[in-house]
PDB file of all heavy atoms in Angstrom:
ATOM      1  N   MET A   1       0.840  -1.201   0.000  1.00  0.00           N
ATOM      2  CA  MET A   1       0.000   0.000   0.000  1.00  0.00           C
ATOM      3  C   MET A   1       0.880   1.257   0.000  1.00  0.00           C
ATOM      4  O   MET A   1       1.849   1.356   0.755  1.00  0.00           O
ATOM      5  CB  MET A   1      -0.904   0.003   1.237  1.00  0.00           C
ATOM      6  CG  MET A   1      -1.858   1.200   1.290  1.00  0.00           C
ATOM      7  SD  MET A   1      -2.951   1.100   2.735  1.00  0.00           S
ATOM      8  CE  MET A   1      -3.851   2.630   2.506  1.00  0.00           C
ATOM      9  N   ILE A   2       0.555   2.218  -0.863  1.00  0.00           N
ATOM     10  CA  ILE A   2       1.326   3.449  -0.973  1.00  0.00           C
ATOM     11  C   ILE A   2       0.820   4.453   0.054  1.00  0.00           C
ATOM     12  O   ILE A   2      -0.353   4.835   0.048  1.00  0.00           O
ATOM     13  CB  ILE A   2       1.216   4.050  -2.390  1.00  0.00           C
ATOM     14  CG1 ILE A   2       1.758   3.070  -3.423  1.00  0.00           C
ATOM     15  CG2 ILE A   2       1.982   5.365  -2.464  1.00  0.00           C
ATOM     16  CD1 ILE A   2       1.659   3.564  -4.841  1.00  0.00           C
ATOM     17  N   THR A   3       1.703   4.874   0.953  1.00  0.00           N
ATOM     18  CA  THR A   3       1.329   5.849   1.961  1.00  0.00           C
ATOM     19  C   THR A   3       1.355   7.252   1.362  1.00  0.00           C
ATOM     20  O   THR A   3       1.892   7.476   0.267  1.00  0.00           O
ATOM     21  CB  THR A   3       2.288   5.781   3.154  1.00  0.00           C
ATOM     22  OG1 THR A   3       3.601   6.167   2.709  1.00  0.00           O
ATOM     23  CG2 THR A   3       2.335   4.369   3.734  1.00  0.00           C
ATOM     24  N   THR A   4       0.789   8.202   2.104  1.00  0.00           N
ATOM     25  CA  THR A   4       0.776   9.591   1.645  1.00  0.00           C
ATOM     26  C   THR A   4       2.191  10.118   1.486  1.00  0.00           C
ATOM     27  O   THR A   4       2.498  10.832   0.530  1.00  0.00           O
ATOM     28  CB  THR A   4       0.004  10.471   2.647  1.00  0.00           C
ATOM     29  OG1 THR A   4      -1.319   9.970   2.797  1.00  0.00           O
ATOM     30  CG2 THR A   4      -0.062  11.910   2.155  1.00  0.00           C
ATOM     31  N   SER A   5       3.065   9.743   2.429  1.00  0.00           N
ATOM     32  CA  SER A   5       4.460  10.178   2.370  1.00  0.00           C
ATOM     33  C   SER A   5       5.149   9.641   1.119  1.00  0.00           C
ATOM     34  O   SER A   5       5.850  10.378   0.412  1.00  0.00           O
ATOM     35  CB  SER A   5       5.201   9.703   3.621  1.00  0.00           C
ATOM     36  OG  SER A   5       6.567  10.021   3.543  1.00  0.00           O
ATOM     37  N   ASN A   6       4.940   8.346   0.829  1.00  0.00           N
ATOM     38  CA  ASN A   6       5.542   7.748  -0.366  1.00  0.00           C
ATOM     39  C   ASN A   6       5.010   8.380  -1.637  1.00  0.00           C
ATOM     40  O   ASN A   6       5.749   8.568  -2.613  1.00  0.00           O
ATOM     41  CB  ASN A   6       5.277   6.249  -0.387  1.00  0.00           C
ATOM     42  CG  ASN A   6       6.125   5.495   0.621  1.00  0.00           C
ATOM     43  OD1 ASN A   6       6.852   6.107   1.392  1.00  0.00           O
ATOM     44  ND2 ASN A   6       6.032   4.186   0.631  1.00  0.00           N
ATOM     45  N   LEU A   7       3.719   8.697  -1.646  1.00  0.00           N
ATOM     46  CA  LEU A   7       3.103   9.322  -2.818  1.00  0.00           C
ATOM     47  C   LEU A   7       3.732  10.685  -3.093  1.00  0.00           C
ATOM     48  O   LEU A   7       4.017  11.022  -4.244  1.00  0.00           O
ATOM     49  CB  LEU A   7       1.598   9.469  -2.602  1.00  0.00           C
ATOM     50  CG  LEU A   7       0.812  10.118  -3.745  1.00  0.00           C
ATOM     51  CD1 LEU A   7       0.948   9.295  -5.018  1.00  0.00           C
ATOM     52  CD2 LEU A   7      -0.662  10.276  -3.364  1.00  0.00           C
ATOM     53  N   LYS A   8       3.973  11.442  -2.037  1.00  0.00           N
ATOM     54  CA  LYS A   8       4.593  12.762  -2.198  1.00  0.00           C
ATOM     55  C   LYS A   8       6.006  12.636  -2.762  1.00  0.00           C
ATOM     56  O   LYS A   8       6.397  13.408  -3.643  1.00  0.00           O
ATOM     57  CB  LYS A   8       4.617  13.490  -0.852  1.00  0.00           C
ATOM     58  CG  LYS A   8       3.245  13.933  -0.355  1.00  0.00           C
ATOM     59  CD  LYS A   8       3.358  14.613   0.999  1.00  0.00           C
ATOM     60  CE  LYS A   8       1.982  15.056   1.499  1.00  0.00           C
ATOM     61  NZ  LYS A   8       2.059  15.688   2.851  1.00  0.00           N
ATOM     62  N   ILE A   9       6.754  11.669  -2.248  1.00  0.00           N
ATOM     63  CA  ILE A   9       8.121  11.455  -2.744  1.00  0.00           C
ATOM     64  C   ILE A   9       8.096  11.010  -4.196  1.00  0.00           C
ATOM     65  O   ILE A   9       8.898  11.465  -5.027  1.00  0.00           O
ATOM     66  CB  ILE A   9       8.854  10.412  -1.877  1.00  0.00           C
ATOM     67  CG1 ILE A   9       9.003  10.918  -0.443  1.00  0.00           C
ATOM     68  CG2 ILE A   9      10.220  10.091  -2.473  1.00  0.00           C
ATOM     69  CD1 ILE A   9       9.761  12.213  -0.322  1.00  0.00           C
ATOM     70  N   ASN A  10       7.164  10.126  -4.541  1.00  0.00           N
ATOM     71  CA  ASN A  10       7.030   9.660  -5.927  1.00  0.00           C
ATOM     72  C   ASN A  10       6.712  10.821  -6.867  1.00  0.00           C
ATOM     73  O   ASN A  10       7.269  10.914  -7.970  1.00  0.00           O
ATOM     74  CB  ASN A  10       5.947   8.588  -6.024  1.00  0.00           C
ATOM     75  CG  ASN A  10       6.370   7.270  -5.403  1.00  0.00           C
ATOM     76  OD1 ASN A  10       7.555   7.038  -5.169  1.00  0.00           O
ATOM     77  ND2 ASN A  10       5.412   6.401  -5.128  1.00  0.00           N
ATOM     78  N   LEU A  11       5.820  11.693  -6.427  1.00  0.00           N
ATOM     79  CA  LEU A  11       5.451  12.853  -7.247  1.00  0.00           C
ATOM     80  C   LEU A  11       6.639  13.795  -7.421  1.00  0.00           C
ATOM     81  O   LEU A  11       6.865  14.322  -8.512  1.00  0.00           O
ATOM     82  CB  LEU A  11       4.277  13.601  -6.616  1.00  0.00           C
ATOM     83  CG  LEU A  11       2.909  12.914  -6.713  1.00  0.00           C
ATOM     84  CD1 LEU A  11       1.855  13.685  -5.923  1.00  0.00           C
ATOM     85  CD2 LEU A  11       2.470  12.776  -8.172  1.00  0.00           C
ATOM     86  N   LEU A  12       7.386  13.983  -6.343  1.00  0.00           N
ATOM     87  CA  LEU A  12       8.583  14.823  -6.431  1.00  0.00           C
ATOM     88  C   LEU A  12       9.572  14.260  -7.435  1.00  0.00           C
ATOM     89  O   LEU A  12      10.173  15.002  -8.229  1.00  0.00           O
ATOM     90  CB  LEU A  12       9.249  14.931  -5.055  1.00  0.00           C
ATOM     91  CG  LEU A  12       8.883  16.110  -4.167  1.00  0.00           C
ATOM     92  CD1 LEU A  12       9.636  16.032  -2.845  1.00  0.00           C
ATOM     93  CD2 LEU A  12       9.161  17.437  -4.852  1.00  0.00           C
ATOM     94  N   LEU A  13       9.738  12.949  -7.408  1.00  0.00           N
ATOM     95  CA  LEU A  13      10.667  12.287  -8.331  1.00  0.00           C
ATOM     96  C   LEU A  13      10.212  12.458  -9.775  1.00  0.00           C
ATOM     97  O   LEU A  13      11.018  12.772 -10.664  1.00  0.00           O
ATOM     98  CB  LEU A  13      10.777  10.800  -7.986  1.00  0.00           C
ATOM     99  CG  LEU A  13      11.737   9.967  -8.837  1.00  0.00           C
ATOM    100  CD1 LEU A  13      13.166  10.454  -8.671  1.00  0.00           C
ATOM    101  CD2 LEU A  13      11.639   8.489  -8.463  1.00  0.00           C
ATOM    102  N   VAL A  14       8.923  12.271 -10.013  1.00  0.00           N
ATOM    103  CA  VAL A  14       8.367  12.432 -11.365  1.00  0.00           C
ATOM    104  C   VAL A  14       8.521  13.871 -11.842  1.00  0.00           C
ATOM    105  O   VAL A  14       8.947  14.128 -12.980  1.00  0.00           O
ATOM    106  CB  VAL A  14       6.887  12.004 -11.399  1.00  0.00           C
ATOM    107  CG1 VAL A  14       6.246  12.391 -12.730  1.00  0.00           C
ATOM    108  CG2 VAL A  14       6.761  10.502 -11.175  1.00  0.00           C
ATOM    109  N   PHE A  15       8.190  14.832 -10.977  1.00  0.00           N
ATOM    110  CA  PHE A  15       8.295  16.244 -11.353  1.00  0.00           C
ATOM    111  C   PHE A  15       9.749  16.643 -11.599  1.00  0.00           C
ATOM    112  O   PHE A  15      10.028  17.482 -12.460  1.00  0.00           O
ATOM    113  CB  PHE A  15       7.692  17.136 -10.270  1.00  0.00           C
ATOM    114  CG  PHE A  15       6.190  17.085 -10.210  1.00  0.00           C
ATOM    115  CD1 PHE A  15       5.522  17.167  -8.998  1.00  0.00           C
ATOM    116  CD2 PHE A  15       5.440  16.942 -11.363  1.00  0.00           C
ATOM    117  CE1 PHE A  15       4.133  17.109  -8.942  1.00  0.00           C
ATOM    118  CE2 PHE A  15       4.046  16.881 -11.331  1.00  0.00           C
ATOM    119  CZ  PHE A  15       3.398  16.968 -10.108  1.00  0.00           C
ATOM    120  N   LEU A  16      10.671  16.026 -10.854  1.00  0.00           N
ATOM    121  CA  LEU A  16      12.094  16.293 -11.076  1.00  0.00           C
ATOM    122  C   LEU A  16      12.498  15.875 -12.482  1.00  0.00           C
ATOM    123  O   LEU A  16      13.191  16.623 -13.191  1.00  0.00           O
ATOM    124  CB  LEU A  16      12.934  15.537 -10.038  1.00  0.00           C
ATOM    125  CG  LEU A  16      14.451  15.609 -10.234  1.00  0.00           C
ATOM    126  CD1 LEU A  16      14.955  17.029  -9.986  1.00  0.00           C
ATOM    127  CD2 LEU A  16      15.162  14.625  -9.311  1.00  0.00           C
ATOM    128  N   LEU A  17      12.057  14.703 -12.898  1.00  0.00           N
ATOM    129  CA  LEU A  17      12.386  14.213 -14.240  1.00  0.00           C
ATOM    130  C   LEU A  17      11.716  15.048 -15.326  1.00  0.00           C
ATOM    131  O   LEU A  17      12.332  15.374 -16.343  1.00  0.00           O
ATOM    132  CB  LEU A  17      11.981  12.744 -14.369  1.00  0.00           C
ATOM    133  CG  LEU A  17      12.814  11.757 -13.541  1.00  0.00           C
ATOM    134  CD1 LEU A  17      12.176  10.372 -13.553  1.00  0.00           C
ATOM    135  CD2 LEU A  17      14.240  11.685 -14.053  1.00  0.00           C
ATOM    136  N   ILE A  18      10.461  15.402 -15.105  1.00  0.00           N
ATOM    137  CA  ILE A  18       9.738  16.226 -16.085  1.00  0.00           C
ATOM    138  C   ILE A  18      10.395  17.594 -16.237  1.00  0.00           C
ATOM    139  O   ILE A  18      10.437  18.166 -17.337  1.00  0.00           O
ATOM    140  CB  ILE A  18       8.261  16.376 -15.683  1.00  0.00           C
ATOM    141  CG1 ILE A  18       7.538  15.021 -15.808  1.00  0.00           C
ATOM    142  CG2 ILE A  18       7.547  17.418 -16.551  1.00  0.00           C
ATOM    143  CD1 ILE A  18       6.111  15.039 -15.305  1.00  0.00           C
ATOM    144  N   SER A  19      10.928  18.117 -15.133  1.00  0.00           N
ATOM    145  CA  SER A  19      11.536  19.456 -15.156  1.00  0.00           C
ATOM    146  C   SER A  19      12.730  19.533 -16.100  1.00  0.00           C
ATOM    147  O   SER A  19      13.106  20.617 -16.545  1.00  0.00           O
ATOM    148  CB  SER A  19      11.954  19.877 -13.745  1.00  0.00           C
ATOM    149  OG  SER A  19      13.077  19.141 -13.293  1.00  0.00           O
ATOM    150  N   THR A  20      13.338  18.382 -16.421  1.00  0.00           N
ATOM    151  CA  THR A  20      14.470  18.386 -17.349  1.00  0.00           C
ATOM    152  C   THR A  20      14.056  18.838 -18.750  1.00  0.00           C
ATOM    153  O   THR A  20      14.903  19.238 -19.545  1.00  0.00           O
ATOM    154  CB  THR A  20      15.117  16.988 -17.439  1.00  0.00           C
ATOM    155  OG1 THR A  20      14.136  16.035 -17.884  1.00  0.00           O
ATOM    156  CG2 THR A  20      15.648  16.549 -16.078  1.00  0.00           C
ATOM    157  N   LEU A  21      12.759  18.770 -19.024  1.00  0.00           N
ATOM    158  CA  LEU A  21      12.241  19.208 -20.321  1.00  0.00           C
ATOM    159  C   LEU A  21      11.863  20.689 -20.331  1.00  0.00           C
ATOM    160  O   LEU A  21      11.607  21.246 -21.403  1.00  0.00           O
ATOM    161  CB  LEU A  21      10.994  18.399 -20.694  1.00  0.00           C
ATOM    162  CG  LEU A  21      11.159  16.910 -20.987  1.00  0.00           C
ATOM    163  CD1 LEU A  21       9.788  16.257 -21.131  1.00  0.00           C
ATOM    164  CD2 LEU A  21      11.985  16.690 -22.250  1.00  0.00           C
ATOM    165  N   LEU A  22      11.819  21.302 -19.166  1.00  0.00           N
ATOM    166  CA  LEU A  22      11.209  22.622 -19.038  1.00  0.00           C
ATOM    167  C   LEU A  22      12.198  23.770 -18.891  1.00  0.00           C
ATOM    168  O   LEU A  22      11.802  24.885 -18.567  1.00  0.00           O
ATOM    169  CB  LEU A  22      10.236  22.623 -17.848  1.00  0.00           C
ATOM    170  CG  LEU A  22       9.134  21.563 -17.904  1.00  0.00           C
ATOM    171  CD1 LEU A  22       8.276  21.623 -16.648  1.00  0.00           C
ATOM    172  CD2 LEU A  22       8.271  21.745 -19.148  1.00  0.00           C
ATOM    173  N   GLY A  23      13.453  23.495 -19.110  1.00  0.00           N
ATOM    174  CA  GLY A  23      14.452  24.559 -19.048  1.00  0.00           C
ATOM    175  C   GLY A  23      15.272  24.520 -17.770  1.00  0.00           C
ATOM    176  O   GLY A  23      14.880  23.922 -16.767  1.00  0.00           O
ATOM    177  N   ILE A  24      16.412  25.205 -17.811  1.00  0.00           N
ATOM    178  CA  ILE A  24      17.358  25.169 -16.697  1.00  0.00           C
ATOM    179  C   ILE A  24      16.777  25.765 -15.426  1.00  0.00           C
ATOM    180  O   ILE A  24      16.971  25.233 -14.333  1.00  0.00           O
ATOM    181  CB  ILE A  24      18.650  25.913 -17.093  1.00  0.00           C
ATOM    182  CG1 ILE A  24      19.365  25.163 -18.222  1.00  0.00           C
ATOM    183  CG2 ILE A  24      19.584  26.060 -15.900  1.00  0.00           C
ATOM    184  CD1 ILE A  24      20.594  25.853 -18.742  1.00  0.00           C
ATOM    185  N   ALA A  25      16.047  26.865 -15.549  1.00  0.00           N
ATOM    186  CA  ALA A  25      15.504  27.532 -14.364  1.00  0.00           C
ATOM    187  C   ALA A  25      14.547  26.617 -13.602  1.00  0.00           C
ATOM    188  O   ALA A  25      14.659  26.458 -12.381  1.00  0.00           O
ATOM    189  CB  ALA A  25      14.798  28.822 -14.762  1.00  0.00           C
ATOM    190  N   VAL A  26      13.610  26.011 -14.330  1.00  0.00           N
ATOM    191  CA  VAL A  26      12.643  25.107 -13.696  1.00  0.00           C
ATOM    192  C   VAL A  26      13.355  23.888 -13.123  1.00  0.00           C
ATOM    193  O   VAL A  26      13.052  23.445 -12.005  1.00  0.00           O
ATOM    194  CB  VAL A  26      11.569  24.656 -14.712  1.00  0.00           C
ATOM    195  CG1 VAL A  26      10.596  23.658 -14.068  1.00  0.00           C
ATOM    196  CG2 VAL A  26      10.798  25.857 -15.241  1.00  0.00           C
ATOM    197  N   MET A  27      14.305  23.347 -13.859  1.00  0.00           N
ATOM    198  CA  MET A  27      15.046  22.173 -13.396  1.00  0.00           C
ATOM    199  C   MET A  27      15.832  22.484 -12.120  1.00  0.00           C
ATOM    200  O   MET A  27      15.872  21.673 -11.188  1.00  0.00           O
ATOM    201  CB  MET A  27      15.995  21.678 -14.485  1.00  0.00           C
ATOM    202  CG  MET A  27      16.717  20.384 -14.134  1.00  0.00           C
ATOM    203  SD  MET A  27      17.709  19.754 -15.508  1.00  0.00           S
ATOM    204  CE  MET A  27      18.923  21.082 -15.660  1.00  0.00           C
ATOM    205  N   ASN A  28      16.443  23.668 -12.057  1.00  0.00           N
ATOM    206  CA  ASN A  28      17.202  24.053 -10.870  1.00  0.00           C
ATOM    207  C   ASN A  28      16.290  24.205  -9.651  1.00  0.00           C
ATOM    208  O   ASN A  28      16.654  23.803  -8.535  1.00  0.00           O
ATOM    209  CB  ASN A  28      17.960  25.356 -11.115  1.00  0.00           C
ATOM    210  CG  ASN A  28      19.182  25.160 -11.996  1.00  0.00           C
ATOM    211  OD1 ASN A  28      19.683  24.044 -12.132  1.00  0.00           O
ATOM    212  ND2 ASN A  28      19.660  26.224 -12.603  1.00  0.00           N
ATOM    213  N   ILE A  29      15.122  24.779  -9.859  1.00  0.00           N
ATOM    214  CA  ILE A  29      14.164  24.940  -8.761  1.00  0.00           C
ATOM    215  C   ILE A  29      13.711  23.586  -8.250  1.00  0.00           C
ATOM    216  O   ILE A  29      13.676  23.326  -7.041  1.00  0.00           O
ATOM    217  CB  ILE A  29      12.955  25.789  -9.212  1.00  0.00           C
ATOM    218  CG1 ILE A  29      13.386  27.231  -9.468  1.00  0.00           C
ATOM    219  CG2 ILE A  29      11.844  25.751  -8.165  1.00  0.00           C
ATOM    220  CD1 ILE A  29      12.328  28.089 -10.116  1.00  0.00           C
ATOM    221  N   MET A  30      13.352  22.680  -9.184  1.00  0.00           N
ATOM    222  CA  MET A  30      12.904  21.343  -8.785  1.00  0.00           C
ATOM    223  C   MET A  30      14.024  20.547  -8.127  1.00  0.00           C
ATOM    224  O   MET A  30      13.785  19.811  -7.161  1.00  0.00           O
ATOM    225  CB  MET A  30      12.359  20.577  -9.994  1.00  0.00           C
ATOM    226  CG  MET A  30      10.899  20.823 -10.312  1.00  0.00           C
ATOM    227  SD  MET A  30       9.790  20.562  -8.904  1.00  0.00           S
ATOM    228  CE  MET A  30      10.236  18.907  -8.380  1.00  0.00           C
ATOM    229  N   SER A  31      15.230  20.692  -8.630  1.00  0.00           N
ATOM    230  CA  SER A  31      16.371  19.995  -8.038  1.00  0.00           C
ATOM    231  C   SER A  31      16.598  20.458  -6.604  1.00  0.00           C
ATOM    232  O   SER A  31      16.885  19.649  -5.708  1.00  0.00           O
ATOM    233  CB  SER A  31      17.647  20.250  -8.858  1.00  0.00           C
ATOM    234  OG  SER A  31      17.520  19.737 -10.154  1.00  0.00           O
ATOM    235  N   PHE A  32      16.453  21.753  -6.380  1.00  0.00           N
ATOM    236  CA  PHE A  32      16.623  22.309  -5.041  1.00  0.00           C
ATOM    237  C   PHE A  32      15.549  21.783  -4.091  1.00  0.00           C
ATOM    238  O   PHE A  32      15.856  21.334  -2.978  1.00  0.00           O
ATOM    239  CB  PHE A  32      16.572  23.844  -5.112  1.00  0.00           C
ATOM    240  CG  PHE A  32      16.669  24.510  -3.772  1.00  0.00           C
ATOM    241  CD1 PHE A  32      17.894  24.613  -3.131  1.00  0.00           C
ATOM    242  CD2 PHE A  32      15.539  25.025  -3.150  1.00  0.00           C
ATOM    243  CE1 PHE A  32      17.983  25.222  -1.880  1.00  0.00           C
ATOM    244  CE2 PHE A  32      15.621  25.630  -1.911  1.00  0.00           C
ATOM    245  CZ  PHE A  32      16.849  25.737  -1.271  1.00  0.00           C
ATOM    246  N   ILE A  33      14.290  21.826  -4.532  1.00  0.00           N
ATOM    247  CA  ILE A  33      13.177  21.342  -3.700  1.00  0.00           C
ATOM    248  C   ILE A  33      13.346  19.862  -3.387  1.00  0.00           C
ATOM    249  O   ILE A  33      13.179  19.421  -2.245  1.00  0.00           O
ATOM    250  CB  ILE A  33      11.827  21.595  -4.403  1.00  0.00           C
ATOM    251  CG1 ILE A  33      11.562  23.093  -4.526  1.00  0.00           C
ATOM    252  CG2 ILE A  33      10.681  20.911  -3.647  1.00  0.00           C
ATOM    253  CD1 ILE A  33      10.350  23.441  -5.372  1.00  0.00           C
ATOM    254  N   PHE A  34      13.682  19.082  -4.420  1.00  0.00           N
ATOM    255  CA  PHE A  34      13.870  17.639  -4.251  1.00  0.00           C
ATOM    256  C   PHE A  34      15.016  17.344  -3.289  1.00  0.00           C
ATOM    257  O   PHE A  34      14.879  16.518  -2.369  1.00  0.00           O
ATOM    258  CB  PHE A  34      14.140  17.003  -5.614  1.00  0.00           C
ATOM    259  CG  PHE A  34      14.341  15.514  -5.575  1.00  0.00           C
ATOM    260  CD1 PHE A  34      13.252  14.650  -5.546  1.00  0.00           C
ATOM    261  CD2 PHE A  34      15.616  14.966  -5.548  1.00  0.00           C
ATOM    262  CE1 PHE A  34      13.437  13.273  -5.506  1.00  0.00           C
ATOM    263  CE2 PHE A  34      15.810  13.600  -5.512  1.00  0.00           C
ATOM    264  CZ  PHE A  34      14.710  12.753  -5.477  1.00  0.00           C
ATOM    265  N   SER A  35      16.153  18.011  -3.479  1.00  0.00           N
ATOM    266  CA  SER A  35      17.333  17.758  -2.655  1.00  0.00           C
ATOM    267  C   SER A  35      17.087  18.129  -1.198  1.00  0.00           C
ATOM    268  O   SER A  35      17.453  17.369  -0.284  1.00  0.00           O
ATOM    269  CB  SER A  35      18.534  18.537  -3.199  1.00  0.00           C
ATOM    270  OG  SER A  35      18.873  18.102  -4.504  1.00  0.00           O
ATOM    271  N   ILE A  36      16.484  19.283  -0.969  1.00  0.00           N
ATOM    272  CA  ILE A  36      16.196  19.721   0.399  1.00  0.00           C
ATOM    273  C   ILE A  36      15.254  18.745   1.090  1.00  0.00           C
ATOM    274  O   ILE A  36      15.451  18.374   2.259  1.00  0.00           O
ATOM    275  CB  ILE A  36      15.586  21.136   0.396  1.00  0.00           C
ATOM    276  CG1 ILE A  36      16.630  22.174  -0.018  1.00  0.00           C
ATOM    277  CG2 ILE A  36      15.016  21.484   1.771  1.00  0.00           C
ATOM    278  CD1 ILE A  36      17.806  22.289   0.925  1.00  0.00           C
ATOM    279  N   THR A  37      14.235  18.293   0.364  1.00  0.00           N
ATOM    280  CA  THR A  37      13.262  17.355   0.929  1.00  0.00           C
ATOM    281  C   THR A  37      13.920  16.034   1.312  1.00  0.00           C
ATOM    282  O   THR A  37      13.710  15.509   2.406  1.00  0.00           O
ATOM    283  CB  THR A  37      12.124  17.091  -0.074  1.00  0.00           C
ATOM    284  OG1 THR A  37      11.490  18.332  -0.419  1.00  0.00           O
ATOM    285  CG2 THR A  37      11.077  16.150   0.527  1.00  0.00           C
ATOM    286  N   ILE A  38      14.731  15.495   0.401  1.00  0.00           N
ATOM    287  CA  ILE A  38      15.370  14.202   0.657  1.00  0.00           C
ATOM    288  C   ILE A  38      16.431  14.313   1.745  1.00  0.00           C
ATOM    289  O   ILE A  38      16.553  13.420   2.596  1.00  0.00           O
ATOM    290  CB  ILE A  38      15.985  13.639  -0.638  1.00  0.00           C
ATOM    291  CG1 ILE A  38      14.889  13.413  -1.695  1.00  0.00           C
ATOM    292  CG2 ILE A  38      16.713  12.337  -0.358  1.00  0.00           C
ATOM    293  CD1 ILE A  38      13.799  12.462  -1.271  1.00  0.00           C
ATOM    294  N   LEU A  39      17.192  15.393   1.770  1.00  0.00           N
ATOM    295  CA  LEU A  39      18.182  15.583   2.827  1.00  0.00           C
ATOM    296  C   LEU A  39      17.512  15.652   4.195  1.00  0.00           C
ATOM    297  O   LEU A  39      18.029  15.103   5.183  1.00  0.00           O
ATOM    298  CB  LEU A  39      18.992  16.866   2.574  1.00  0.00           C
ATOM    299  CG  LEU A  39      20.039  16.804   1.465  1.00  0.00           C
ATOM    300  CD1 LEU A  39      20.650  18.176   1.235  1.00  0.00           C
ATOM    301  CD2 LEU A  39      21.126  15.787   1.787  1.00  0.00           C
ATOM    302  N   PHE A  40      16.373  16.315   4.248  1.00  0.00           N
ATOM    303  CA  PHE A  40      15.604  16.378   5.502  1.00  0.00           C
ATOM    304  C   PHE A  40      15.173  14.978   5.940  1.00  0.00           C
ATOM    305  O   PHE A  40      15.272  14.635   7.131  1.00  0.00           O
ATOM    306  CB  PHE A  40      14.375  17.272   5.307  1.00  0.00           C
ATOM    307  CG  PHE A  40      13.413  17.241   6.458  1.00  0.00           C
ATOM    308  CD1 PHE A  40      13.682  17.943   7.623  1.00  0.00           C
ATOM    309  CD2 PHE A  40      12.236  16.489   6.389  1.00  0.00           C
ATOM    310  CE1 PHE A  40      12.798  17.907   8.704  1.00  0.00           C
ATOM    311  CE2 PHE A  40      11.358  16.442   7.456  1.00  0.00           C
ATOM    312  CZ  PHE A  40      11.640  17.155   8.617  1.00  0.00           C
ATOM    313  N   LEU A  41      14.747  14.161   4.986  1.00  0.00           N
ATOM    314  CA  LEU A  41      14.318  12.792   5.311  1.00  0.00           C
ATOM    315  C   LEU A  41      15.494  11.922   5.759  1.00  0.00           C
ATOM    316  O   LEU A  41      15.343  11.081   6.649  1.00  0.00           O
ATOM    317  CB  LEU A  41      13.625  12.164   4.099  1.00  0.00           C
ATOM    318  CG  LEU A  41      12.255  12.747   3.739  1.00  0.00           C
ATOM    319  CD1 LEU A  41      11.754  12.166   2.428  1.00  0.00           C
ATOM    320  CD2 LEU A  41      11.247  12.483   4.854  1.00  0.00           C
ATOM    321  N   ILE A  42      16.649  12.118   5.127  1.00  0.00           N
ATOM    322  CA  ILE A  42      17.840  11.363   5.525  1.00  0.00           C
ATOM    323  C   ILE A  42      18.182  11.660   6.987  1.00  0.00           C
ATOM    324  O   ILE A  42      18.460  10.754   7.781  1.00  0.00           O
ATOM    325  CB  ILE A  42      19.033  11.701   4.611  1.00  0.00           C
ATOM    326  CG1 ILE A  42      18.799  11.169   3.196  1.00  0.00           C
ATOM    327  CG2 ILE A  42      20.331  11.103   5.173  1.00  0.00           C
ATOM    328  CD1 ILE A  42      19.869  11.562   2.197  1.00  0.00           C
ATOM    329  N   ILE A  43      18.155  12.936   7.331  1.00  0.00           N
ATOM    330  CA  ILE A  43      18.468  13.344   8.714  1.00  0.00           C
ATOM    331  C   ILE A  43      17.378  12.870   9.675  1.00  0.00           C
ATOM    332  O   ILE A  43      17.673  12.335  10.753  1.00  0.00           O
ATOM    333  CB  ILE A  43      18.629  14.874   8.787  1.00  0.00           C
ATOM    334  CG1 ILE A  43      19.833  15.308   7.947  1.00  0.00           C
ATOM    335  CG2 ILE A  43      18.783  15.328  10.238  1.00  0.00           C
ATOM    336  CD1 ILE A  43      19.950  16.804   7.756  1.00  0.00           C
ATOM    337  N   LYS A  44      16.126  13.032   9.261  1.00  0.00           N
ATOM    338  CA  LYS A  44      14.999  12.629  10.103  1.00  0.00           C
ATOM    339  C   LYS A  44      15.024  11.129  10.392  1.00  0.00           C
ATOM    340  O   LYS A  44      14.727  10.689  11.507  1.00  0.00           O
ATOM    341  CB  LYS A  44      13.692  13.010   9.416  1.00  0.00           C
ATOM    342  CG  LYS A  44      12.439  12.621  10.192  1.00  0.00           C
ATOM    343  CD  LYS A  44      11.180  12.966   9.407  1.00  0.00           C
ATOM    344  CE  LYS A  44       9.934  12.496  10.152  1.00  0.00           C
ATOM    345  NZ  LYS A  44       8.688  12.767   9.368  1.00  0.00           N
TER     346      LYS A  44
END
């Protein structure tokens, strides 16, 4: 069963990949959001 937390991470991962099509600015923003989120989870 997919939890809400897993769903959010999955969506972040998908949006990160999609952002590669949308230009450097969008990709950099998504990379930052993704990295900060995952680093927080690693520490947590």
